[in-house]
């Protein structure tokens, strides 16, 4: 299963959030399955229409994902996925 890591910005809203492994062959499936373990987190990651939120970035093996709209990037058991919530301010 792909390994999912989260930055501390998301852990602020979900104190029990931890790196996990979930099943899925594309990013949209991973996010759905992450939400099963941490209910509500998908609302912080994706818009109501399924697009990745503007303030969120996802990296797949160190490279930014290609499809921010449908999250169709393919993943496999060897991948590491890192989910970042951008922090703004000065």
C-alpha atoms as a PDB file:
ATOM      1  CA  UNK A   1       0.000   0.000   0.000  1.00  0.00           C
ATOM      2  CA  UNK A   2       1.208   3.552  -0.655  1.00  0.00           C
ATOM      3  CA  UNK A   3       2.587   5.380   2.383  1.00  0.00           C
ATOM      4  CA  UNK A   4       0.865   8.692   3.133  1.00  0.00           C
ATOM      5  CA  UNK A   5       2.618  11.430   5.108  1.00  0.00           C
ATOM      6  CA  UNK A   6       1.146  14.691   6.371  1.00  0.00           C
ATOM      7  CA  UNK A   7       2.720  17.984   7.355  1.00  0.00           C
ATOM      8  CA  UNK A   8       2.208  19.447  10.810  1.00  0.00           C
ATOM      9  CA  UNK A   9      -0.168  22.132   9.497  1.00  0.00           C
ATOM     10  CA  UNK A  10      -2.844  19.479   8.930  1.00  0.00           C
ATOM     11  CA  UNK A  11      -2.074  17.810  12.240  1.00  0.00           C
ATOM     12  CA  UNK A  12      -3.122  21.064  13.916  1.00  0.00           C
ATOM     13  CA  UNK A  13      -6.714  20.379  12.801  1.00  0.00           C
ATOM     14  CA  UNK A  14      -6.539  16.606  13.218  1.00  0.00           C
ATOM     15  CA  UNK A  15      -4.457  15.894  16.345  1.00  0.00           C
ATOM     16  CA  UNK A  16      -4.628  12.109  15.846  1.00  0.00           C
ATOM     17  CA  UNK A  17      -3.378  12.367  12.254  1.00  0.00           C
ATOM     18  CA  UNK A  18      -0.400  10.117  11.602  1.00  0.00           C
ATOM     19  CA  UNK A  19       1.433   8.709   8.630  1.00  0.00           C
ATOM     20  CA  UNK A  20      -0.506   5.734   7.309  1.00  0.00           C
ATOM     21  CA  UNK A  21      -0.698   3.247   4.494  1.00  0.00           C
ATOM     22  CA  UNK A  22      -3.965   3.036   2.569  1.00  0.00           C
ATOM     23  CA  UNK A  23      -5.165   1.173  -0.479  1.00  0.00           C
ATOM     24  CA  UNK A  24      -5.824   2.848  -3.790  1.00  0.00           C
ATOM     25  CA  UNK A  25      -4.550   2.923  -7.345  1.00  0.00           C
ATOM     26  CA  UNK A  26      -5.025   6.669  -7.870  1.00  0.00           C
ATOM     27  CA  UNK A  27      -4.939   9.730  -5.638  1.00  0.00           C
ATOM     28  CA  UNK A  28      -8.702  10.222  -5.486  1.00  0.00           C
ATOM     29  CA  UNK A  29      -9.059   6.717  -4.046  1.00  0.00           C
ATOM     30  CA  UNK A  30      -6.310   7.367  -1.506  1.00  0.00           C
ATOM     31  CA  UNK A  31      -8.003  10.529  -0.280  1.00  0.00           C
ATOM     32  CA  UNK A  32     -11.316   8.696   0.043  1.00  0.00           C
ATOM     33  CA  UNK A  33      -9.627   5.962   2.093  1.00  0.00           C
ATOM     34  CA  UNK A  34      -7.709   8.468   4.222  1.00  0.00           C
ATOM     35  CA  UNK A  35     -11.043  10.074   5.054  1.00  0.00           C
ATOM     36  CA  UNK A  36     -12.308   6.719   6.350  1.00  0.00           C
ATOM     37  CA  UNK A  37      -9.517   6.742   8.955  1.00  0.00           C
ATOM     38  CA  UNK A  38      -9.696  10.482   9.671  1.00  0.00           C
ATOM     39  CA  UNK A  39     -13.285  11.631   9.022  1.00  0.00           C
ATOM     40  CA  UNK A  40     -13.511  15.154   7.644  1.00  0.00           C
ATOM     41  CA  UNK A  41      -9.935  15.440   6.424  1.00  0.00           C
ATOM     42  CA  UNK A  42     -10.988  15.209   2.787  1.00  0.00           C
ATOM     43  CA  UNK A  43     -12.832  18.530   3.281  1.00  0.00           C
ATOM     44  CA  UNK A  44      -9.458  20.142   4.007  1.00  0.00           C
ATOM     45  CA  UNK A  45      -7.808  18.488   1.005  1.00  0.00           C
ATOM     46  CA  UNK A  46     -10.375  18.702  -1.805  1.00  0.00           C
ATOM     47  CA  UNK A  47     -13.129  21.069  -2.904  1.00  0.00           C
ATOM     48  CA  UNK A  48     -16.741  19.935  -3.103  1.00  0.00           C
ATOM     49  CA  UNK A  49     -16.244  19.234  -6.840  1.00  0.00           C
ATOM     50  CA  UNK A  50     -13.272  16.946  -6.137  1.00  0.00           C
ATOM     51  CA  UNK A  51     -10.509  19.365  -7.188  1.00  0.00           C
ATOM     52  CA  UNK A  52      -7.500  19.732  -4.954  1.00  0.00           C
ATOM     53  CA  UNK A  53      -7.876  22.834  -2.808  1.00  0.00           C
ATOM     54  CA  UNK A  54      -5.736  25.796  -3.809  1.00  0.00           C
ATOM     55  CA  UNK A  55      -3.878  25.833  -0.493  1.00  0.00           C
ATOM     56  CA  UNK A  56      -2.981  22.122  -0.641  1.00  0.00           C
ATOM     57  CA  UNK A  57      -0.153  20.431  -2.538  1.00  0.00           C
ATOM     58  CA  UNK A  58       0.441  16.726  -2.936  1.00  0.00           C
ATOM     59  CA  UNK A  59       3.796  15.221  -3.821  1.00  0.00           C
ATOM     60  CA  UNK A  60       4.191  11.731  -5.221  1.00  0.00           C
ATOM     61  CA  UNK A  61       7.710  10.399  -4.645  1.00  0.00           C
ATOM     62  CA  UNK A  62       9.032  13.938  -4.328  1.00  0.00           C
ATOM     63  CA  UNK A  63       7.307  15.356  -7.421  1.00  0.00           C
ATOM     64  CA  UNK A  64       4.175  17.480  -7.445  1.00  0.00           C
ATOM     65  CA  UNK A  65       1.155  15.616  -8.804  1.00  0.00           C
ATOM     66  CA  UNK A  66       0.047  16.309 -12.367  1.00  0.00           C
ATOM     67  CA  UNK A  67      -3.756  16.289 -12.028  1.00  0.00           C
ATOM     68  CA  UNK A  68      -5.084  18.747  -9.449  1.00  0.00           C
ATOM     69  CA  UNK A  69      -8.604  18.554 -10.892  1.00  0.00           C
ATOM     70  CA  UNK A  70      -9.554  14.874 -10.894  1.00  0.00           C
ATOM     71  CA  UNK A  71      -6.664  13.498  -8.802  1.00  0.00           C
ATOM     72  CA  UNK A  72      -6.175  10.754 -11.361  1.00  0.00           C
ATOM     73  CA  UNK A  73      -2.413  10.352 -10.810  1.00  0.00           C
ATOM     74  CA  UNK A  74      -1.648   6.645 -10.522  1.00  0.00           C
ATOM     75  CA  UNK A  75      -0.080   5.262  -7.365  1.00  0.00           C
ATOM     76  CA  UNK A  76       1.270   1.867  -6.415  1.00  0.00           C
ATOM     77  CA  UNK A  77       2.461   0.075  -3.307  1.00  0.00           C
ATOM     78  CA  UNK A  78       5.963   1.535  -3.505  1.00  0.00           C
ATOM     79  CA  UNK A  79       4.916   5.186  -3.648  1.00  0.00           C
ATOM     80  CA  UNK A  80       5.240   7.773  -0.922  1.00  0.00           C
ATOM     81  CA  UNK A  81       2.605  10.497  -0.952  1.00  0.00           C
ATOM     82  CA  UNK A  82       3.106  13.700   1.043  1.00  0.00           C
ATOM     83  CA  UNK A  83       0.168  16.036   1.624  1.00  0.00           C
ATOM     84  CA  UNK A  84       1.015  19.667   2.385  1.00  0.00           C
ATOM     85  CA  UNK A  85      -1.284  22.408   3.527  1.00  0.00           C
ATOM     86  CA  UNK A  86       0.190  25.738   2.482  1.00  0.00           C
ATOM     87  CA  UNK A  87       0.688  28.287   5.237  1.00  0.00           C
ATOM     88  CA  UNK A  88       0.368  31.949   4.430  1.00  0.00           C
ATOM     89  CA  UNK A  89       1.241  35.033   6.370  1.00  0.00           C
ATOM     90  CA  UNK A  90       4.126  37.310   6.930  1.00  0.00           C
END
